[in-house]
Amino acid sequence: MSKSKYLTPDEVCEILRISRKTLCSYKKKFAVDNKSDAAEKKLVCHRLSYKTVLYERQSVFNFIRARTAGTTLRVSV
């Protein structure tokens, strides 16, 4: 995975451990097209062409933080 400012849908799926179908659902529910004040807890995506969509790397990690805020991981021993 490269360290560019943007991630492909496949890279986002790998980070979030979800399928492309789930990412499509997330895009409809949680994505915004441009950076805005409301975008802090959203996935920020940019459509470059009909088939090409890129997600801002920082927005993906902000999305993870926002979705997991207040939750604790349970570890079985």
N, C-alpha and C. Protein backbone atom coordinates (compact mmCIF):
# COMPACT_ATOMS: atom_id res chain seq x y z
N MET A 1 0.84 -1.17 0.00
CA MET A 1 0.00 0.00 0.00
C MET A 1 0.90 1.24 0.00
N SER A 2 0.63 2.16 -0.89
CA SER A 2 1.45 3.36 -0.99
C SER A 2 1.05 4.38 0.08
N LYS A 3 1.90 5.37 0.26
CA LYS A 3 1.65 6.41 1.25
C LYS A 3 1.10 7.67 0.59
N SER A 4 0.31 7.55 -0.45
CA SER A 4 -0.25 8.72 -1.11
C SER A 4 -1.40 9.29 -0.27
N LYS A 5 -1.85 10.46 -0.66
CA LYS A 5 -2.94 11.13 0.06
C LYS A 5 -4.28 10.43 -0.18
N TYR A 6 -4.36 9.65 -1.25
CA TYR A 6 -5.62 9.02 -1.63
C TYR A 6 -5.48 7.50 -1.65
N LEU A 7 -6.61 6.84 -1.42
CA LEU A 7 -6.67 5.38 -1.43
C LEU A 7 -7.67 4.91 -2.46
N THR A 8 -7.38 3.79 -3.08
CA THR A 8 -8.32 3.17 -4.00
C THR A 8 -9.39 2.44 -3.19
N PRO A 9 -10.51 2.12 -3.81
CA PRO A 9 -11.53 1.36 -3.09
C PRO A 9 -11.00 0.02 -2.54
N ASP A 10 -10.14 -0.64 -3.29
CA ASP A 10 -9.57 -1.91 -2.81
C ASP A 10 -8.73 -1.70 -1.55
N GLU A 11 -7.97 -0.63 -1.50
CA GLU A 11 -7.15 -0.34 -0.32
C GLU A 11 -8.02 0.00 0.88
N VAL A 12 -9.11 0.74 0.65
CA VAL A 12 -10.03 1.07 1.73
C VAL A 12 -10.68 -0.20 2.27
N CYS A 13 -11.08 -1.10 1.37
CA CYS A 13 -11.69 -2.37 1.78
C CYS A 13 -10.72 -3.18 2.63
N GLU A 14 -9.46 -3.18 2.26
CA GLU A 14 -8.45 -3.92 3.00
C GLU A 14 -8.27 -3.32 4.40
N ILE A 15 -8.22 -2.01 4.50
CA ILE A 15 -8.05 -1.34 5.79
C ILE A 15 -9.25 -1.58 6.70
N LEU A 16 -10.46 -1.44 6.14
CA LEU A 16 -11.68 -1.59 6.93
C LEU A 16 -12.11 -3.05 7.10
N ARG A 17 -11.45 -3.93 6.34
CA ARG A 17 -11.78 -5.36 6.35
C ARG A 17 -13.25 -5.59 5.99
N ILE A 18 -13.63 -4.99 4.87
CA ILE A 18 -14.99 -5.12 4.35
C ILE A 18 -14.93 -5.48 2.87
N SER A 19 -16.07 -5.88 2.32
CA SER A 19 -16.14 -6.20 0.90
C SER A 19 -16.40 -4.94 0.08
N ARG A 20 -16.24 -5.04 -1.23
CA ARG A 20 -16.53 -3.91 -2.11
C ARG A 20 -18.01 -3.55 -2.04
N LYS A 21 -18.87 -4.55 -1.89
CA LYS A 21 -20.31 -4.31 -1.78
C LYS A 21 -20.62 -3.49 -0.52
N THR A 22 -19.97 -3.81 0.59
CA THR A 22 -20.16 -3.06 1.82
C THR A 22 -19.61 -1.65 1.68
N LEU A 23 -18.48 -1.49 1.01
CA LEU A 23 -17.93 -0.16 0.79
C LEU A 23 -18.90 0.69 -0.03
N CYS A 24 -19.53 0.09 -1.01
CA CYS A 24 -20.52 0.80 -1.83
C CYS A 24 -21.68 1.27 -0.94
N SER A 25 -22.11 0.42 -0.04
CA SER A 25 -23.16 0.79 0.90
C SER A 25 -22.71 1.91 1.83
N TYR A 26 -21.49 1.80 2.33
CA TYR A 26 -20.92 2.85 3.18
C TYR A 26 -20.83 4.17 2.42
N LYS A 27 -20.45 4.09 1.15
CA LYS A 27 -20.32 5.30 0.34
C LYS A 27 -21.66 6.02 0.24
N LYS A 28 -22.72 5.27 0.06
CA LYS A 28 -24.05 5.87 -0.02
C LYS A 28 -24.49 6.46 1.32
N LYS A 29 -24.09 5.80 2.40
CA LYS A 29 -24.55 6.20 3.73
C LYS A 29 -23.64 7.23 4.42
N PHE A 30 -22.32 7.09 4.26
CA PHE A 30 -21.38 7.87 5.05
C PHE A 30 -20.46 8.80 4.25
N ALA A 31 -20.52 8.77 2.93
CA ALA A 31 -19.54 9.54 2.15
C ALA A 31 -20.04 10.93 1.79
N VAL A 32 -19.10 11.85 1.68
CA VAL A 32 -19.37 13.18 1.14
C VAL A 32 -18.40 13.39 -0.02
N ASP A 33 -18.83 14.18 -0.98
CA ASP A 33 -18.01 14.37 -2.18
C ASP A 33 -16.88 15.36 -2.01
N ASN A 34 -17.05 16.31 -1.12
CA ASN A 34 -16.01 17.31 -0.92
C ASN A 34 -15.78 17.51 0.57
N LYS A 35 -14.61 17.99 0.88
CA LYS A 35 -14.25 18.26 2.28
C LYS A 35 -15.16 19.37 2.81
N SER A 36 -15.77 19.16 3.95
CA SER A 36 -16.61 20.18 4.58
C SER A 36 -16.52 20.02 6.08
N ASP A 37 -17.18 20.89 6.80
CA ASP A 37 -17.16 20.80 8.26
C ASP A 37 -17.80 19.49 8.74
N ALA A 38 -18.80 19.02 8.01
CA ALA A 38 -19.49 17.79 8.40
C ALA A 38 -18.71 16.55 8.01
N ALA A 39 -17.59 16.72 7.32
CA ALA A 39 -16.85 15.59 6.78
C ALA A 39 -15.94 14.90 7.79
N GLU A 40 -15.83 15.42 8.99
CA GLU A 40 -14.89 14.84 9.95
C GLU A 40 -15.19 13.38 10.26
N LYS A 41 -16.47 13.03 10.32
CA LYS A 41 -16.85 11.66 10.64
C LYS A 41 -17.30 10.90 9.40
N LYS A 42 -17.04 11.45 8.24
CA LYS A 42 -17.47 10.86 6.98
C LYS A 42 -16.29 10.40 6.15
N LEU A 43 -16.57 9.55 5.19
CA LEU A 43 -15.57 9.16 4.21
C LEU A 43 -15.59 10.20 3.10
N VAL A 44 -14.46 10.84 2.87
CA VAL A 44 -14.38 11.84 1.81
C VAL A 44 -13.87 11.16 0.55
N CYS A 45 -14.69 11.22 -0.50
CA CYS A 45 -14.30 10.58 -1.75
C CYS A 45 -14.33 11.58 -2.89
N HIS A 46 -13.55 11.28 -3.89
CA HIS A 46 -13.46 12.13 -5.09
C HIS A 46 -13.68 11.25 -6.30
N ARG A 47 -14.66 11.60 -7.11
CA ARG A 47 -14.91 10.86 -8.34
C ARG A 47 -14.09 11.51 -9.46
N LEU A 48 -13.15 10.75 -9.99
CA LEU A 48 -12.29 11.27 -11.05
C LEU A 48 -12.87 11.01 -12.43
N SER A 49 -13.61 9.94 -12.56
CA SER A 49 -14.29 9.61 -13.80
C SER A 49 -15.48 8.73 -13.44
N TYR A 50 -16.16 8.25 -14.45
CA TYR A 50 -17.33 7.40 -14.21
C TYR A 50 -16.99 6.19 -13.34
N LYS A 51 -15.84 5.59 -13.58
CA LYS A 51 -15.46 4.38 -12.86
C LYS A 51 -14.40 4.59 -11.77
N THR A 52 -13.81 5.76 -11.70
CA THR A 52 -12.69 5.97 -10.78
C THR A 52 -13.09 6.84 -9.60
N VAL A 53 -13.01 6.24 -8.40
CA VAL A 53 -13.28 6.95 -7.16
C VAL A 53 -12.08 6.75 -6.25
N LEU A 54 -11.63 7.83 -5.63
CA LEU A 54 -10.54 7.74 -4.65
C LEU A 54 -11.03 8.31 -3.33
N TYR A 55 -10.54 7.73 -2.25
CA TYR A 55 -10.90 8.16 -0.90
C TYR A 55 -9.71 8.83 -0.26
N GLU A 56 -9.96 9.90 0.49
CA GLU A 56 -8.87 10.56 1.19
C GLU A 56 -8.41 9.67 2.34
N ARG A 57 -7.12 9.42 2.38
CA ARG A 57 -6.52 8.55 3.39
C ARG A 57 -6.90 8.99 4.80
N GLN A 58 -6.75 10.28 5.10
CA GLN A 58 -7.03 10.78 6.44
C GLN A 58 -8.50 10.59 6.81
N SER A 59 -9.41 10.75 5.86
CA SER A 59 -10.82 10.59 6.16
C SER A 59 -11.16 9.15 6.51
N VAL A 60 -10.45 8.20 5.91
CA VAL A 60 -10.68 6.78 6.24
C VAL A 60 -10.30 6.52 7.69
N PHE A 61 -9.15 7.04 8.12
CA PHE A 61 -8.72 6.82 9.50
C PHE A 61 -9.57 7.63 10.49
N ASN A 62 -10.04 8.81 10.10
CA ASN A 62 -10.96 9.57 10.94
C ASN A 62 -12.29 8.82 11.08
N PHE A 63 -12.74 8.20 9.99
CA PHE A 63 -13.96 7.42 10.00
C PHE A 63 -13.84 6.25 10.98
N ILE A 64 -12.69 5.57 10.96
CA ILE A 64 -12.46 4.46 11.89
C ILE A 64 -12.51 4.97 13.33
N ARG A 65 -11.81 6.06 13.60
CA ARG A 65 -11.80 6.64 14.96
C ARG A 65 -13.20 7.02 15.41
N ALA A 66 -13.97 7.65 14.53
CA ALA A 66 -15.32 8.09 14.88
C ALA A 66 -16.24 6.91 15.14
N ARG A 67 -16.08 5.83 14.36
CA ARG A 67 -16.95 4.66 14.50
C ARG A 67 -16.58 3.82 15.72
N THR A 68 -15.34 3.92 16.18
CA THR A 68 -14.91 3.11 17.32
C THR A 68 -14.78 3.91 18.60
N ALA A 69 -15.09 5.20 18.56
CA ALA A 69 -14.99 6.03 19.76
C ALA A 69 -15.93 5.51 20.83
N GLY A 70 -15.40 5.35 22.02
CA GLY A 70 -16.22 4.90 23.14
C GLY A 70 -16.39 3.40 23.22
N THR A 71 -15.79 2.67 22.29
CA THR A 71 -15.88 1.22 22.37
C THR A 71 -14.56 0.65 22.86
N THR A 72 -14.64 -0.46 23.51
CA THR A 72 -13.44 -1.13 23.97
C THR A 72 -13.38 -2.49 23.32
N LEU A 73 -12.19 -2.94 23.10
CA LEU A 73 -12.00 -4.26 22.51
C LEU A 73 -12.01 -5.31 23.62
N ARG A 74 -12.70 -6.38 23.39
CA ARG A 74 -12.72 -7.48 24.34
C ARG A 74 -11.76 -8.55 23.86
N VAL A 75 -10.88 -8.92 24.71
CA VAL A 75 -9.88 -9.92 24.36
C VAL A 75 -10.10 -11.16 25.20
N SER A 76 -10.23 -12.28 24.53
CA SER A 76 -10.39 -13.55 25.25
C SER A 76 -9.03 -14.11 25.60
N VAL A 77 -8.89 -14.57 26.83
CA VAL A 77 -7.63 -15.13 27.27
C VAL A 77 -7.80 -16.59 27.56
